[in-house]
């Protein structure tokens, strides 16, 4: 017997923007070699596809509404920290290299960003179409 499973709605993935306009995940990705950047972007695409349905080993809940998205390249573990703004919106806080566990300080940083985002979503959402350094994006 075949069972039908409805298609999940896509989750919108947005990048967190600091008060000064910097975007931690974008800045980090821009500094990475293509293979690491591609691996992390593939994980973000999977998060966009699955949203709340994404589970271990790809993602896990840490605490206080903060989740980790897991990527590994050549035995280096990368963790992209994120939180849900609504049912279908994920906000990506930042990324780190993980040794044994995600450091509590990094989780606290994500929690603080979550609070700031909740207080001012528009001000803390990176818009890739925004003008940057006086130039308009294509």
Foldseek 3Di string as FASTA:
>chain_A
DDDDDDQDQFAAEWFWADLVGDTAAVVVLVPDDPVVSVQVVVLVRVCRRQPPNDDPPQKDDDDPQKIWGWGDDPNWIKTFIWGAPDRRYIYTYHMDTDDPDDDPVVVVSRVVSSVVCNVPVVSTTDDPQDDDPNDGDD
